[in-house]
C-alpha cells in the first residue's frame, strides 16, 4: 500500500516519519490511531486561515483536502453553516503552543572593561623591531 503526503501529495517510503519534500509529519493509519482520543488543536504548520480544518484532519486522521471541501460546500450550500462552524471552532479550539528552543546561558565575555589585552594604542607590545 502506497503512502502519500497529506500536504504536497508526494509518494513516501513506508518507514518515513516526515515528508522529505515539505517536512510534514506522516500519520500512518494504525489501529491504535483510531482507539486513542485526539485533542483538537489548531496547528501552526499546514494551515490556510486559522488551522481549524487542519486541526480536525490531524485529530481524526482525515484528509485535510476533504475537510476543506466539506467546509466550503457547507458554507455555500448549507446557508452559511460551514462558516458558522468554522468561526465556532476557531474560538473553541486552542492554538498549538510555540516550540521554542531551550534557553542556554550566555558565556562570560573575556573582553570585559578593565582587563588588559595584548596591547593598546598607548602601550604597544614590545617586540623586536
Protein backbone atom coordinates (compact mmCIF):
# COMPACT_ATOMS: atom_id res chain seq x y z
CA UNK A 1 0.00 0.00 0.00
CA UNK A 2 1.49 3.33 -1.07
CA UNK A 3 1.60 6.22 1.41
CA UNK A 4 1.25 9.80 0.21
CA UNK A 5 1.99 13.10 1.95
CA UNK A 6 -1.14 14.99 3.01
CA UNK A 7 0.43 18.37 2.34
CA UNK A 8 2.23 18.02 -1.01
CA UNK A 9 0.89 14.68 -2.34
CA UNK A 10 4.29 13.04 -2.91
CA UNK A 11 4.70 9.28 -2.51
CA UNK A 12 6.58 8.35 0.67
CA UNK A 13 8.52 5.33 1.77
CA UNK A 14 6.71 3.07 4.27
CA UNK A 15 9.17 3.82 7.09
CA UNK A 16 9.10 7.63 6.62
CA UNK A 17 8.02 9.70 9.61
CA UNK A 18 8.26 13.06 7.81
CA UNK A 19 7.88 14.09 4.17
CA UNK A 20 11.33 14.76 2.64
CA UNK A 21 9.89 17.48 0.37
CA UNK A 22 7.71 19.61 2.66
CA UNK A 23 8.60 18.26 6.13
CA UNK A 24 5.01 17.44 7.12
CA UNK A 25 4.60 14.62 9.66
CA UNK A 26 3.32 11.32 8.28
CA UNK A 27 0.42 9.70 10.07
CA UNK A 28 0.34 6.01 9.29
CA UNK A 29 -3.14 4.51 9.65
CA UNK A 30 -2.69 2.11 12.53
CA UNK A 31 -5.42 0.52 14.68
CA UNK A 32 -4.03 2.36 17.72
CA UNK A 33 -4.63 5.70 15.98
CA UNK A 34 -8.37 5.02 15.89
CA UNK A 35 -8.58 3.90 19.51
CA UNK A 36 -6.83 6.83 21.15
CA UNK A 37 -8.69 10.05 21.72
CA UNK A 38 -7.19 13.03 19.97
CA UNK A 39 -7.12 16.56 21.30
CA UNK A 40 -8.40 19.24 18.97
CA UNK A 41 -5.59 21.76 18.47
CA UNK A 42 -5.10 24.31 15.70
CA UNK A 43 -1.59 23.52 14.41
CA UNK A 44 0.85 26.20 13.32
CA UNK A 45 2.08 24.23 10.29
CA UNK A 46 -0.05 23.44 7.23
CA UNK A 47 -2.92 25.78 7.93
CA UNK A 48 -4.63 28.07 5.45
CA UNK A 49 -6.59 30.60 7.54
CA UNK A 50 -6.76 29.69 11.22
CA UNK A 51 -5.91 25.99 11.19
CA UNK A 52 -9.38 24.67 12.01
CA UNK A 53 -9.61 22.25 9.07
CA UNK A 54 -6.01 21.12 9.55
CA UNK A 55 -6.67 20.53 13.26
CA UNK A 56 -9.78 18.46 12.58
CA UNK A 57 -7.92 16.44 9.95
CA UNK A 58 -4.99 15.79 12.29
CA UNK A 59 -7.17 14.82 15.24
CA UNK A 60 -9.36 12.32 13.38
CA UNK A 61 -6.78 11.14 10.78
CA UNK A 62 -8.75 12.54 7.84
CA UNK A 63 -7.51 14.07 4.63
CA UNK A 64 -7.29 17.84 5.09
CA UNK A 65 -8.41 18.49 1.50
CA UNK A 66 -11.74 16.74 2.07
CA UNK A 67 -12.31 18.63 5.32
CA UNK A 68 -11.74 21.91 3.49
CA UNK A 69 -14.03 20.91 0.61
CA UNK A 70 -16.81 19.92 3.01
CA UNK A 71 -16.41 23.22 4.87
CA UNK A 72 -16.73 25.21 1.64
CA UNK A 73 -19.73 23.16 0.50
CA UNK A 74 -21.47 23.69 3.84
CA UNK A 75 -20.75 27.41 3.61
CA UNK A 76 -22.10 27.77 0.06
CA UNK A 77 -25.00 25.29 0.05
CA UNK A 78 -25.76 24.99 3.76
CA UNK A 79 -26.88 28.53 4.36
CA UNK A 80 -23.59 29.58 5.94
CA UNK A 81 -23.41 26.68 8.39
CA UNK A 82 -19.83 25.89 7.35
CA UNK A 83 -18.71 29.45 8.07
CA UNK A 84 -20.54 29.47 11.40
CA UNK A 85 -18.99 26.13 12.41
CA UNK A 86 -15.55 27.37 11.31
CA UNK A 87 -15.82 30.50 13.47
CA UNK A 88 -17.04 28.49 16.48
CA UNK A 89 -14.18 26.01 16.11
CA UNK A 90 -11.76 28.94 15.70
CA UNK A 91 -12.89 30.32 19.06
CA UNK A 92 -13.11 26.98 20.91
CA UNK A 93 -10.01 25.15 19.62
CA UNK A 94 -6.75 26.22 21.31
CA UNK A 95 -3.74 27.04 19.20
CA UNK A 96 -0.69 24.80 19.29
CA UNK A 97 1.93 26.19 21.71
CA UNK A 98 5.15 27.61 20.33
CA UNK A 99 8.05 25.18 20.17
CA UNK A 100 10.85 27.35 21.49
CA UNK A 101 14.43 26.12 21.75
CA UNK A 102 15.81 25.53 25.24
CA UNK A 103 17.35 28.54 26.95
CA UNK A 104 21.12 28.42 27.31
CA UNK A 105 23.06 30.96 29.35
CA UNK A 106 25.48 33.25 27.54
CA UNK A 107 29.19 32.54 28.11
CA UNK A 108 31.11 35.16 30.05
CA UNK A 109 32.79 37.77 27.90
CA UNK A 110 36.60 37.55 28.25
CA UNK A 111 36.99 41.07 26.83
CA UNK A 112 35.38 42.99 29.67
CA UNK A 113 36.41 46.53 30.57
CA UNK A 114 39.40 46.73 32.91
CA UNK A 115 41.20 43.70 31.56
CA UNK A 116 44.37 44.29 29.62
CA UNK A 117 44.62 42.61 26.29
CA UNK A 118 47.68 42.14 24.13
CA UNK A 119 48.21 45.86 23.96
CA UNK A 120 46.54 49.12 23.12
CA UNK A 121 47.43 52.31 21.26
CA UNK A 122 49.31 53.94 24.19
CA UNK A 123 51.33 50.83 25.12
CA UNK A 124 52.26 48.87 22.03
CA UNK A 125 53.56 45.37 22.73
CA UNK A 126 57.31 45.20 22.93
CA UNK A 127 58.67 43.34 20.00
CA UNK A 128 61.86 43.02 18.10
CA UNK A 129 61.58 45.95 15.72
